[in-house]
Amino acid sequence: MIDLAVYNREGQEVDKLKVAESDFGGSVRYSLLKQAIVMHHANKRAGTAATRGRGMKSGSGRKLFRQKGTGNARVGNSRTGKRVGGGVTFAKSPKSFRKRMPKKQKRLAVKSAILSKLLGNDIIVVDELNFEKPRTHDFVKVLGNLSVDRGCLVTISDYNENIYKSSRNVPKVEIMPVDNLNVFDICRRKKMIFTKEAFLSFLNKSKADKN
């Protein structure tokens, strides 16, 4: 079992949660994390690079001069890649680099990513994170109280405009609803902040997946 402290916005411990490693897959599956991150990068590729091969260039397909007897090196037509204005020898054409993972693997990869953060003491749970109005100063103050001085991913239960607007000018800080969590965004930030409501929501869904 992992003991996870719950803090208030002033950085004081107000509660404690007990989390079983089995709720997050039991162990960190590093090969699955790599597969998910590679998939993320591959799916961001546009795949639109293209060059014109010899078949796409205009010009006659006739051999420029006979094979023997001229004293010149043998050549083909004017569209060959060896000649100026000819086609590219190994021409590129648009292609899809998309990769996919089954839904169960995706969910397990997210659990493994969060478990790795739990084992590394890089997850902070805060009892609530509501602001009466958007104010960057208040948000930065909360981060300071929680001793977060590096990049972090803040996970909330649902979209909250005041939180988004309060954090959008803070570098290396991302806000994400718990339902949108993915391996890439979890792993690219050192710290991860959950609201208590968001963490319990994820934990309940994780337990439901086991049954």
Protein backbone atom coordinates (compact mmCIF):
# COMPACT_ATOMS: atom_id res chain seq x y z
CA MET A 1 0.00 0.00 0.00
CA ILE A 2 1.10 3.54 -0.75
CA ASP A 3 0.27 6.32 1.73
CA LEU A 4 -0.62 9.47 -0.18
CA ALA A 5 -0.98 12.74 1.70
CA VAL A 6 -3.71 15.23 0.80
CA TYR A 7 -2.79 18.91 1.17
CA ASN A 8 -4.80 22.09 1.27
CA ARG A 9 -3.90 25.15 -0.79
CA GLU A 10 -1.62 26.41 1.99
CA GLY A 11 0.51 23.27 1.75
CA GLN A 12 -0.72 21.75 5.03
CA GLU A 13 -1.55 18.04 5.22
CA VAL A 14 -5.26 17.61 5.89
CA ASP A 15 -5.94 13.99 4.96
CA LYS A 16 -4.30 10.77 3.85
CA LEU A 17 -5.23 8.24 1.17
CA LYS A 18 -4.16 4.60 1.01
CA VAL A 19 -3.56 3.39 -2.53
CA ALA A 20 -2.89 -0.19 -3.57
CA GLU A 21 -0.33 -0.73 -6.33
CA SER A 22 -2.64 -3.37 -7.77
CA ASP A 23 -5.16 -0.61 -8.59
CA PHE A 24 -2.60 0.75 -11.04
CA GLY A 25 -1.60 -2.52 -12.68
CA GLY A 26 0.68 -3.80 -9.92
CA SER A 27 3.95 -2.79 -11.57
CA VAL A 28 5.30 -0.21 -14.00
CA ARG A 29 5.32 -1.60 -17.54
CA TYR A 30 8.11 0.38 -19.15
CA SER A 31 7.82 -1.31 -22.54
CA LEU A 32 4.16 -0.30 -22.67
CA LEU A 33 5.05 3.30 -21.75
CA LYS A 34 7.57 3.43 -24.59
CA GLN A 35 5.03 2.00 -27.02
CA ALA A 36 2.47 4.65 -26.03
CA ILE A 37 4.99 7.51 -26.37
CA VAL A 38 6.21 6.27 -29.76
CA MET A 39 2.57 6.07 -30.89
CA HIS A 40 1.97 9.65 -29.73
CA HIS A 41 4.93 10.99 -31.72
CA ALA A 42 4.06 8.91 -34.79
CA ASN A 43 0.47 10.16 -34.81
CA LYS A 44 1.68 13.77 -34.79
CA ARG A 45 3.55 13.27 -38.06
CA ALA A 46 1.78 14.81 -41.04
CA GLY A 47 3.20 12.34 -43.57
CA THR A 48 2.75 14.84 -46.41
CA ALA A 49 6.38 14.96 -47.63
CA ALA A 50 6.52 14.26 -51.38
CA THR A 51 9.03 14.59 -54.22
CA ARG A 52 8.60 14.07 -57.95
CA GLY A 53 9.94 10.80 -59.28
CA ARG A 54 10.89 10.16 -62.90
CA GLY A 55 7.35 9.00 -63.65
CA MET A 56 5.99 12.41 -62.59
CA LYS A 57 8.35 14.52 -64.73
CA SER A 58 7.44 15.70 -68.21
CA GLY A 59 9.57 14.72 -71.17
CA SER A 60 10.06 11.95 -73.69
CA GLY A 61 10.71 8.41 -72.60
CA ARG A 62 13.00 7.90 -75.59
CA LYS A 63 16.60 6.91 -74.98
CA LEU A 64 18.75 10.00 -75.61
CA PHE A 65 21.23 8.24 -77.92
CA ARG A 66 22.14 4.73 -78.88
CA GLN A 67 23.85 2.41 -76.46
CA LYS A 68 27.10 1.89 -78.33
CA GLY A 69 29.31 3.60 -80.86
CA THR A 70 29.08 7.22 -79.66
CA GLY A 71 31.93 7.14 -77.15
CA ASN A 72 29.63 8.51 -74.43
CA ALA A 73 28.54 6.78 -71.27
CA ARG A 74 25.30 4.91 -71.68
CA VAL A 75 22.21 6.86 -70.66
CA GLY A 76 18.46 6.44 -70.49
CA ASN A 77 15.86 9.12 -71.10
CA SER A 78 15.87 12.74 -69.99
CA ARG A 79 13.71 12.03 -66.94
CA THR A 80 16.31 9.90 -65.18
CA GLY A 81 17.53 11.04 -61.77
CA LYS A 82 21.10 11.36 -63.09
CA ARG A 83 20.27 14.35 -65.27
CA VAL A 84 19.49 17.97 -64.37
CA GLY A 85 15.73 18.43 -64.43
CA GLY A 86 15.10 14.73 -64.01
CA GLY A 87 13.06 13.04 -61.33
CA VAL A 88 14.25 12.18 -57.82
CA THR A 89 15.76 8.69 -57.73
CA PHE A 90 14.04 7.47 -54.56
CA ALA A 91 11.03 9.76 -54.58
CA LYS A 92 8.96 10.28 -51.45
CA SER A 93 5.21 9.97 -51.55
CA PRO A 94 2.61 10.89 -48.89
CA LYS A 95 2.12 8.12 -46.34
CA SER A 96 0.45 7.61 -42.98
CA PHE A 97 2.64 6.95 -39.96
CA ARG A 98 -0.30 6.35 -37.64
CA LYS A 99 -0.03 3.70 -34.96
CA ARG A 100 -2.71 2.40 -32.66
CA MET A 101 -3.06 0.58 -29.37
CA PRO A 102 -6.04 -1.35 -28.01
CA LYS A 103 -8.09 0.57 -25.44
CA LYS A 104 -7.13 -1.79 -22.63
CA GLN A 105 -3.45 -1.27 -23.38
CA LYS A 106 -3.91 2.51 -23.41
CA ARG A 107 -5.63 2.43 -20.01
CA LEU A 108 -2.95 0.15 -18.58
CA ALA A 109 -0.21 2.43 -19.95
CA VAL A 110 -1.80 5.46 -18.22
CA LYS A 111 -2.00 3.49 -14.95
CA SER A 112 1.67 2.52 -15.28
CA ALA A 113 2.66 6.14 -15.89
CA ILE A 114 0.77 7.29 -12.78
CA LEU A 115 2.19 4.40 -10.72
CA SER A 116 5.72 5.44 -11.70
CA LYS A 117 4.94 8.95 -10.44
CA LEU A 118 3.51 7.53 -7.20
CA LEU A 119 6.61 5.42 -6.58
CA GLY A 120 8.82 8.42 -7.29
CA ASN A 121 6.87 10.68 -4.87
CA ASP A 122 6.02 12.97 -7.75
CA ILE A 123 2.24 13.08 -7.23
CA ILE A 124 0.62 15.71 -5.04
CA VAL A 125 -3.06 15.59 -4.10
CA VAL A 126 -4.75 18.86 -3.13
CA ASP A 127 -8.17 18.89 -1.46
CA GLU A 128 -9.57 21.58 -3.80
CA LEU A 129 -8.37 24.01 -6.43
CA ASN A 130 -11.13 26.53 -7.07
CA PHE A 131 -10.69 30.23 -7.75
CA GLU A 132 -13.41 32.88 -7.51
CA LYS A 133 -11.93 34.60 -10.55
CA PRO A 134 -8.95 34.04 -12.86
CA ARG A 135 -5.76 35.26 -11.16
CA THR A 136 -2.30 34.01 -12.03
CA HIS A 137 -0.82 35.28 -8.75
CA ASP A 138 -3.14 33.04 -6.70
CA PHE A 139 -2.32 30.00 -8.81
CA VAL A 140 1.44 30.55 -8.55
CA LYS A 141 1.08 30.98 -4.80
CA VAL A 142 -0.62 27.57 -4.53
CA LEU A 143 2.24 25.99 -6.52
CA GLY A 144 4.74 27.61 -4.15
CA ASN A 145 2.88 26.32 -1.09
CA LEU A 146 2.98 22.81 -2.57
CA SER A 147 6.75 23.14 -3.27
CA VAL A 148 6.28 22.76 -7.02
CA ASP A 149 9.11 24.66 -8.69
CA ARG A 150 9.38 22.63 -11.90
CA GLY A 151 7.02 21.70 -14.72
CA CYS A 152 3.83 20.01 -13.62
CA LEU A 153 0.59 18.55 -14.94
CA VAL A 154 -2.48 19.64 -12.98
CA THR A 155 -5.32 17.14 -13.23
CA ILE A 156 -8.85 18.27 -12.43
CA SER A 157 -12.17 16.44 -12.45
CA ASP A 158 -13.78 18.60 -15.14
CA TYR A 159 -13.21 21.74 -17.19
CA ASN A 160 -12.83 24.82 -15.00
CA GLU A 161 -12.39 28.12 -16.82
CA ASN A 162 -10.96 29.99 -13.82
CA ILE A 163 -8.22 27.38 -13.33
CA TYR A 164 -7.33 27.39 -17.03
CA LYS A 165 -7.13 31.17 -17.21
CA SER A 166 -5.16 31.41 -13.95
CA SER A 167 -2.50 29.00 -15.22
CA ARG A 168 -2.17 29.82 -18.91
CA ASN A 169 0.68 32.32 -18.39
CA VAL A 170 2.67 30.00 -16.11
CA PRO A 171 5.43 28.24 -18.10
CA LYS A 172 5.63 24.43 -18.15
CA VAL A 173 2.26 24.01 -16.44
CA GLU A 174 -0.60 22.17 -18.10
CA ILE A 175 -4.20 21.72 -16.96
CA MET A 176 -6.01 18.57 -18.01
CA PRO A 177 -9.33 16.90 -17.09
CA VAL A 178 -8.83 13.42 -15.66
CA ASP A 179 -10.68 11.80 -18.57
CA ASN A 180 -8.11 13.21 -21.04
CA LEU A 181 -4.99 11.85 -19.34
CA ASN A 182 -2.44 10.25 -21.63
CA VAL A 183 1.02 8.75 -21.17
CA PHE A 184 2.91 11.43 -23.09
CA ASP A 185 1.60 14.37 -21.04
CA ILE A 186 2.09 12.49 -17.77
CA CYS A 187 5.70 11.57 -18.53
CA ARG A 188 6.81 14.89 -19.98
CA ARG A 189 6.30 16.77 -16.69
CA LYS A 190 8.25 16.12 -13.49
CA LYS A 191 5.37 16.65 -11.04
CA MET A 192 1.70 15.78 -11.22
CA ILE A 193 -0.97 17.53 -9.13
CA PHE A 194 -4.40 15.92 -8.66
CA THR A 195 -7.39 17.45 -7.03
CA LYS A 196 -8.77 14.96 -4.53
CA GLU A 197 -11.99 14.67 -6.54
CA ALA A 198 -10.06 13.91 -9.75
CA PHE A 199 -7.80 11.35 -8.07
CA LEU A 200 -10.71 9.46 -6.49
CA SER A 201 -12.54 9.53 -9.83
CA PHE A 202 -9.53 7.97 -11.58
CA LEU A 203 -9.08 5.45 -8.75
CA ASN A 204 -12.71 4.33 -8.94
CA LYS A 205 -12.51 3.84 -12.70
CA SER A 206 -9.26 1.94 -12.28
CA LYS A 207 -10.86 -0.41 -9.74
CA ALA A 208 -13.86 -0.89 -12.04
CA ASP A 209 -11.50 -1.99 -14.86
CA LYS A 210 -10.23 -4.80 -12.63
CA ASN A 211 -13.70 -6.25 -12.10
